Amino acid sequence: MDPIHLRQLRAIAENLCTQANRHRENHNYLVAHALYGRALCVAQEIHTPENDRNFLVTRIRTDQQAVFEMLCPGERGVEKAALERAIR
């Protein structure tokens, strides 16, 4: 994949995260969770030998998990276990 395309994907993922963060700050958790999910899909398309992609994916998953816990406080254990498996 060419470097320009990789930068575009990263910019898209970062922009989606920014939008998700704004919705999260406004307590619109359902929209924030969906935006984090889309950002995660885009970030996973970035294939580089650097560790930068892994950091972005981990950060998005962490933010999405925090929003999920606000949406479904009783589901923490199940979703947290799934998140930990996905990170490994």
N, C-alpha and C. Protein backbone atom coordinates (compact mmCIF):
# COMPACT_ATOMS: atom_id res chain seq x y z
N MET A 1 0.85 -1.17 0.00
CA MET A 1 0.00 0.00 0.00
C MET A 1 0.90 1.24 0.00
N ASP A 2 0.55 2.20 -0.82
CA ASP A 2 1.41 3.38 -0.94
C ASP A 2 1.25 4.30 0.28
N PRO A 3 2.28 5.09 0.57
CA PRO A 3 2.28 5.95 1.77
C PRO A 3 1.14 6.97 1.80
N ILE A 4 0.74 7.48 0.64
CA ILE A 4 -0.34 8.46 0.62
C ILE A 4 -1.65 7.81 1.08
N HIS A 5 -1.91 6.62 0.59
CA HIS A 5 -3.13 5.91 0.99
C HIS A 5 -3.12 5.60 2.50
N LEU A 6 -1.96 5.22 3.01
CA LEU A 6 -1.84 4.95 4.45
C LEU A 6 -2.12 6.21 5.26
N ARG A 7 -1.59 7.35 4.82
CA ARG A 7 -1.85 8.61 5.53
C ARG A 7 -3.32 8.98 5.47
N GLN A 8 -3.96 8.71 4.34
CA GLN A 8 -5.38 9.00 4.21
C GLN A 8 -6.20 8.14 5.17
N LEU A 9 -5.88 6.86 5.25
CA LEU A 9 -6.59 5.98 6.18
C LEU A 9 -6.40 6.43 7.62
N ARG A 10 -5.17 6.81 7.96
CA ARG A 10 -4.90 7.26 9.32
C ARG A 10 -5.70 8.54 9.62
N ALA A 11 -5.73 9.46 8.65
CA ALA A 11 -6.47 10.71 8.84
C ALA A 11 -7.97 10.43 9.02
N ILE A 12 -8.51 9.50 8.25
CA ILE A 12 -9.92 9.14 8.39
C ILE A 12 -10.18 8.57 9.78
N ALA A 13 -9.34 7.65 10.22
CA ALA A 13 -9.51 7.04 11.54
C ALA A 13 -9.42 8.10 12.64
N GLU A 14 -8.44 9.00 12.54
CA GLU A 14 -8.28 10.06 13.54
C GLU A 14 -9.48 10.99 13.54
N ASN A 15 -9.99 11.34 12.35
CA ASN A 15 -11.16 12.23 12.27
C ASN A 15 -12.40 11.57 12.88
N LEU A 16 -12.58 10.29 12.63
CA LEU A 16 -13.70 9.57 13.23
C LEU A 16 -13.58 9.54 14.75
N CYS A 17 -12.36 9.38 15.24
CA CYS A 17 -12.13 9.40 16.69
C CYS A 17 -12.45 10.77 17.28
N THR A 18 -12.05 11.81 16.58
CA THR A 18 -12.34 13.17 17.04
C THR A 18 -13.85 13.39 17.13
N GLN A 19 -14.57 12.96 16.11
CA GLN A 19 -16.03 13.08 16.14
C GLN A 19 -16.62 12.25 17.28
N ALA A 20 -16.11 11.04 17.46
CA ALA A 20 -16.59 10.18 18.55
C ALA A 20 -16.34 10.83 19.91
N ASN A 21 -15.16 11.43 20.07
CA ASN A 21 -14.85 12.10 21.33
C ASN A 21 -15.82 13.24 21.61
N ARG A 22 -16.17 13.99 20.59
CA ARG A 22 -17.12 15.09 20.77
C ARG A 22 -18.50 14.59 21.17
N HIS A 23 -18.94 13.52 20.53
CA HIS A 23 -20.24 12.95 20.91
C HIS A 23 -20.19 12.39 22.33
N ARG A 24 -19.06 11.81 22.69
CA ARG A 24 -18.89 11.28 24.05
C ARG A 24 -18.97 12.41 25.07
N GLU A 25 -18.31 13.52 24.78
CA GLU A 25 -18.34 14.68 25.68
C GLU A 25 -19.76 15.23 25.83
N ASN A 26 -20.57 15.10 24.78
CA ASN A 26 -21.97 15.57 24.80
C ASN A 26 -22.93 14.49 25.30
N HIS A 27 -22.38 13.40 25.82
CA HIS A 27 -23.15 12.29 26.39
C HIS A 27 -24.03 11.59 25.36
N ASN A 28 -23.62 11.62 24.11
CA ASN A 28 -24.31 10.89 23.06
C ASN A 28 -23.52 9.60 22.81
N TYR A 29 -23.62 8.69 23.77
CA TYR A 29 -22.76 7.52 23.80
C TYR A 29 -23.01 6.53 22.68
N LEU A 30 -24.24 6.40 22.25
CA LEU A 30 -24.54 5.46 21.18
C LEU A 30 -23.86 5.86 19.87
N VAL A 31 -23.92 7.14 19.53
CA VAL A 31 -23.25 7.63 18.32
C VAL A 31 -21.74 7.51 18.48
N ALA A 32 -21.24 7.84 19.67
CA ALA A 32 -19.79 7.74 19.91
C ALA A 32 -19.31 6.31 19.73
N HIS A 33 -20.06 5.35 20.26
CA HIS A 33 -19.68 3.94 20.14
C HIS A 33 -19.63 3.52 18.67
N ALA A 34 -20.63 3.95 17.90
CA ALA A 34 -20.66 3.61 16.47
C ALA A 34 -19.48 4.24 15.72
N LEU A 35 -19.16 5.47 16.04
CA LEU A 35 -18.03 6.14 15.37
C LEU A 35 -16.70 5.47 15.73
N TYR A 36 -16.55 5.09 17.00
CA TYR A 36 -15.33 4.36 17.38
C TYR A 36 -15.24 3.04 16.62
N GLY A 37 -16.37 2.39 16.43
CA GLY A 37 -16.38 1.13 15.67
C GLY A 37 -15.92 1.33 14.24
N ARG A 38 -16.40 2.39 13.62
CA ARG A 38 -15.98 2.67 12.24
C ARG A 38 -14.51 3.06 12.19
N ALA A 39 -14.07 3.85 13.16
CA ALA A 39 -12.65 4.23 13.23
C ALA A 39 -11.77 2.99 13.38
N LEU A 40 -12.24 2.04 14.16
CA LEU A 40 -11.49 0.80 14.36
C LEU A 40 -11.38 0.02 13.05
N CYS A 41 -12.48 -0.05 12.31
CA CYS A 41 -12.44 -0.74 11.01
C CYS A 41 -11.42 -0.11 10.07
N VAL A 42 -11.40 1.20 10.02
CA VAL A 42 -10.46 1.90 9.15
C VAL A 42 -9.03 1.69 9.64
N ALA A 43 -8.81 1.83 10.95
CA ALA A 43 -7.45 1.69 11.51
C ALA A 43 -6.89 0.29 11.26
N GLN A 44 -7.75 -0.71 11.25
CA GLN A 44 -7.28 -2.08 11.02
C GLN A 44 -6.87 -2.31 9.58
N GLU A 45 -7.24 -1.42 8.69
CA GLU A 45 -6.82 -1.53 7.28
C GLU A 45 -5.40 -1.00 7.07
N ILE A 46 -4.85 -0.32 8.06
CA ILE A 46 -3.52 0.27 7.94
C ILE A 46 -2.49 -0.81 8.24
N HIS A 47 -1.78 -1.22 7.22
CA HIS A 47 -0.78 -2.28 7.37
C HIS A 47 0.61 -1.69 7.15
N THR A 48 1.30 -1.43 8.25
CA THR A 48 2.67 -0.92 8.17
C THR A 48 3.53 -1.74 9.12
N PRO A 49 4.83 -1.77 8.88
CA PRO A 49 5.71 -2.51 9.79
C PRO A 49 5.90 -1.79 11.13
N GLU A 50 5.46 -0.53 11.21
CA GLU A 50 5.65 0.23 12.44
C GLU A 50 4.61 -0.17 13.48
N ASN A 51 4.88 0.17 14.72
CA ASN A 51 3.95 -0.12 15.81
C ASN A 51 2.86 0.91 15.93
N ASP A 52 2.92 1.97 15.15
CA ASP A 52 1.97 3.08 15.23
C ASP A 52 0.53 2.61 15.06
N ARG A 53 0.28 1.73 14.12
CA ARG A 53 -1.07 1.22 13.86
C ARG A 53 -1.62 0.52 15.09
N ASN A 54 -0.79 -0.31 15.72
CA ASN A 54 -1.24 -1.03 16.90
C ASN A 54 -1.63 -0.06 18.01
N PHE A 55 -0.90 1.02 18.14
CA PHE A 55 -1.22 2.02 19.15
C PHE A 55 -2.58 2.65 18.85
N LEU A 56 -2.82 2.98 17.61
CA LEU A 56 -4.09 3.59 17.22
C LEU A 56 -5.25 2.63 17.46
N VAL A 57 -5.10 1.39 17.07
CA VAL A 57 -6.15 0.38 17.27
C VAL A 57 -6.42 0.19 18.76
N THR A 58 -5.38 0.10 19.55
CA THR A 58 -5.53 -0.07 21.00
C THR A 58 -6.23 1.12 21.62
N ARG A 59 -5.86 2.32 21.22
CA ARG A 59 -6.49 3.53 21.76
C ARG A 59 -7.97 3.58 21.40
N ILE A 60 -8.31 3.24 20.16
CA ILE A 60 -9.71 3.26 19.75
C ILE A 60 -10.50 2.22 20.54
N ARG A 61 -9.95 1.02 20.67
CA ARG A 61 -10.64 -0.02 21.43
C ARG A 61 -10.87 0.40 22.89
N THR A 62 -9.88 1.03 23.48
CA THR A 62 -10.01 1.50 24.86
C THR A 62 -11.10 2.54 24.98
N ASP A 63 -11.12 3.50 24.07
CA ASP A 63 -12.16 4.54 24.10
C ASP A 63 -13.54 3.94 23.85
N GLN A 64 -13.62 3.01 22.91
CA GLN A 64 -14.90 2.37 22.61
C GLN A 64 -15.39 1.57 23.82
N GLN A 65 -14.47 0.91 24.50
CA GLN A 65 -14.84 0.15 25.69
C GLN A 65 -15.38 1.07 26.78
N ALA A 66 -14.75 2.22 26.96
CA ALA A 66 -15.21 3.17 27.97
C ALA A 66 -16.63 3.64 27.68
N VAL A 67 -16.92 3.89 26.41
CA VAL A 67 -18.27 4.31 26.02
C VAL A 67 -19.24 3.16 26.21
N PHE A 68 -18.83 1.95 25.87
CA PHE A 68 -19.70 0.79 26.05
C PHE A 68 -20.07 0.63 27.52
N GLU A 69 -19.12 0.83 28.41
CA GLU A 69 -19.39 0.71 29.84
C GLU A 69 -20.37 1.77 30.32
N MET A 70 -20.38 2.92 29.67
CA MET A 70 -21.37 3.95 30.01
C MET A 70 -22.76 3.56 29.50
N LEU A 71 -22.78 2.89 28.34
CA LEU A 71 -24.06 2.45 27.77
C LEU A 71 -24.64 1.25 28.52
N CYS A 72 -23.79 0.31 28.88
CA CYS A 72 -24.23 -0.96 29.49
C CYS A 72 -23.39 -1.27 30.72
N PRO A 73 -23.64 -0.61 31.83
CA PRO A 73 -22.80 -0.80 33.01
C PRO A 73 -22.76 -2.23 33.52
N GLY A 74 -23.80 -3.03 33.30
CA GLY A 74 -23.83 -4.40 33.79
C GLY A 74 -23.05 -5.38 32.94
N GLU A 75 -22.59 -4.98 31.77
CA GLU A 75 -21.92 -5.87 30.83
C GLU A 75 -20.41 -5.76 30.87
N ARG A 76 -19.85 -5.11 31.85
CA ARG A 76 -18.40 -4.85 31.89
C ARG A 76 -17.54 -6.10 31.75
N GLY A 77 -17.84 -7.12 32.50
CA GLY A 77 -16.99 -8.31 32.50
C GLY A 77 -16.95 -9.01 31.15
N VAL A 78 -18.08 -9.17 30.52
CA VAL A 78 -18.16 -9.86 29.24
C VAL A 78 -17.42 -9.09 28.16
N GLU A 79 -17.70 -7.80 28.04
CA GLU A 79 -17.09 -6.99 26.99
C GLU A 79 -15.60 -6.79 27.26
N LYS A 80 -15.21 -6.64 28.51
CA LYS A 80 -13.80 -6.45 28.84
C LYS A 80 -12.99 -7.70 28.46
N ALA A 81 -13.54 -8.87 28.71
CA ALA A 81 -12.86 -10.10 28.33
C ALA A 81 -12.70 -10.19 26.82
N ALA A 82 -13.74 -9.80 26.09
CA ALA A 82 -13.66 -9.81 24.61
C ALA A 82 -12.62 -8.81 24.13
N LEU A 83 -12.56 -7.64 24.74
CA LEU A 83 -11.59 -6.63 24.37
C LEU A 83 -10.17 -7.13 24.62
N GLU A 84 -9.94 -7.75 25.77
CA GLU A 84 -8.60 -8.24 26.09
C GLU A 84 -8.17 -9.32 25.10
N ARG A 85 -9.10 -10.19 24.68
CA ARG A 85 -8.77 -11.21 23.69
C ARG A 85 -8.43 -10.57 22.35
N ALA A 86 -9.15 -9.53 21.98
CA ALA A 86 -8.92 -8.87 20.70
C ALA A 86 -7.58 -8.15 20.66
N ILE A 87 -7.16 -7.61 21.78
CA ILE A 87 -5.89 -6.88 21.84
C ILE A 87 -4.70 -7.83 21.70
N ARG A 88 -4.84 -9.01 22.19
CA ARG A 88 -3.71 -9.98 22.15
C ARG A 88 -3.44 -10.46 20.80
